[in-house]
Protein backbone atom coordinates (compact mmCIF):
# COMPACT_ATOMS: atom_id res chain seq x y z
CA MET A 1 47.49 18.82 50.81
CA ASP A 2 49.32 17.37 47.83
CA GLU A 3 48.64 19.09 44.49
CA ALA A 4 48.33 15.75 42.69
CA ALA A 5 45.55 14.65 45.02
CA LYS A 6 43.28 17.44 43.73
CA TYR A 7 43.06 16.02 40.22
CA GLU A 8 41.94 12.68 38.86
CA PHE A 9 44.75 12.42 36.30
CA ALA A 10 47.77 14.15 37.67
CA ILE A 11 50.56 14.97 35.23
CA ALA A 12 53.96 14.59 36.77
CA LEU A 13 56.26 17.44 35.85
CA CYS A 14 59.85 16.48 35.28
CA ARG A 15 62.14 18.96 36.87
CA ASP A 16 65.08 17.48 34.96
CA ALA A 17 63.45 17.72 31.53
CA PRO A 18 65.98 18.19 28.74
CA GLN A 19 66.23 21.73 27.47
CA PRO A 20 65.55 22.37 23.79
CA PHE A 21 68.60 22.45 21.54
CA GLN A 22 70.22 25.88 21.55
CA MET A 23 71.82 26.83 18.25
CA ARG A 24 75.03 28.80 18.42
CA LYS A 25 74.93 32.40 17.26
CA ARG A 26 77.40 31.68 14.47
CA ASP A 27 75.17 28.89 13.14
CA ARG A 28 72.07 31.08 13.44
CA ASP A 29 73.82 33.83 11.46
CA ARG A 30 74.86 31.37 8.74
CA ALA A 31 71.36 29.94 8.49
CA GLU A 32 69.91 33.45 8.26
CA ALA A 33 72.39 34.44 5.55
CA LEU A 34 71.52 31.30 3.54
CA ARG A 35 67.82 31.99 3.93
CA LEU A 36 68.20 35.60 2.77
CA ALA A 37 70.39 34.59 -0.18
CA GLY A 38 67.71 32.23 -1.44
CA GLY A 39 69.19 28.95 -0.25
CA ARG A 40 72.39 27.11 -0.95
CA PRO A 41 74.29 27.79 -4.14
CA PRO A 42 74.16 24.97 -6.70
CA SER A 43 76.70 22.22 -6.17
CA LEU A 44 79.43 21.45 -8.67
CA ARG A 45 77.48 18.45 -9.90
CA ASP A 46 74.35 20.53 -10.40
CA ARG A 47 76.32 23.13 -12.33
CA ALA A 48 77.93 20.49 -14.55
CA VAL A 49 74.64 18.80 -15.39
CA ALA A 50 72.94 22.15 -16.03
CA LEU A 51 75.70 23.21 -18.43
CA ALA A 52 75.53 19.86 -20.23
CA GLN A 53 71.76 20.16 -20.58
CA VAL A 54 72.00 23.69 -21.97
CA ARG A 55 74.78 22.99 -24.46
CA CYS A 56 73.78 19.37 -25.23
CA GLU A 57 77.47 18.42 -25.41
CA VAL A 58 80.32 19.90 -23.38
CA ARG A 59 84.06 19.59 -23.44
CA THR A 60 86.25 18.94 -20.44
CA ARG A 61 87.59 22.45 -20.78
CA ASP A 62 84.08 23.95 -20.58
CA LEU A 63 83.55 22.19 -17.27
CA THR A 64 86.95 23.09 -15.84
CA ASP A 65 86.35 26.73 -16.83
CA ILE A 66 83.38 26.89 -14.47
CA GLY A 67 85.39 25.30 -11.65
CA ILE A 68 84.58 21.60 -11.90
CA PRO A 69 87.63 19.36 -11.37
CA ARG A 70 88.28 16.73 -14.02
CA CYS A 71 88.25 13.95 -11.42
CA TYR A 72 84.54 14.68 -10.84
CA LEU A 73 83.69 13.83 -14.44
CA SER A 74 84.42 10.10 -14.17
CA ARG A 75 82.50 9.95 -10.88
CA MET A 76 79.53 11.69 -12.46
CA CYS A 77 79.64 9.25 -15.39
CA GLY A 78 79.66 6.37 -12.91
CA GLU A 79 76.62 7.81 -11.14
CA GLY A 80 74.77 8.22 -14.42
CA LEU A 81 74.63 12.02 -14.40
CA LEU A 82 76.84 12.45 -17.47
CA VAL A 83 77.55 10.22 -20.45
CA LYS A 84 80.99 10.19 -22.05
CA VAL A 85 80.51 10.66 -25.79
CA GLY A 86 84.15 10.68 -26.82
CA TYR A 87 87.56 11.81 -25.72
CA GLY A 88 86.96 14.92 -23.59
CA ARG A 89 83.29 15.20 -24.58
CA TYR A 90 80.30 14.66 -22.33
CA ARG A 91 76.56 15.08 -22.48
CA ALA A 92 73.81 14.99 -19.86
CA ALA A 93 72.23 11.62 -19.25
CA ALA A 94 68.65 11.26 -20.47
CA LEU A 95 66.21 11.90 -17.65
CA THR A 96 63.33 9.46 -17.26
CA ALA A 97 59.90 10.62 -16.16
CA ALA A 98 58.73 9.29 -12.81
């Protein structure tokens, strides 16, 4: 007797069901290391904005000393993260409350 005939609503089982995604060991190890370290380190943009918020006004040299390339500064000004005050001087853009 057919198994499906025993039940009113038979559920067909797919024998070719896709297997769940298997993560490579290397990726699992990286994810575990990130989790144990407390997450990802802050990005260059986050570090630049944080420094500008702490110091109110920063020089280009202050930002390059912590590893932020000068080419990032004009991009960050264009995105509204930093405001150029004068030659080689920047401050954090005013944050608006949501």
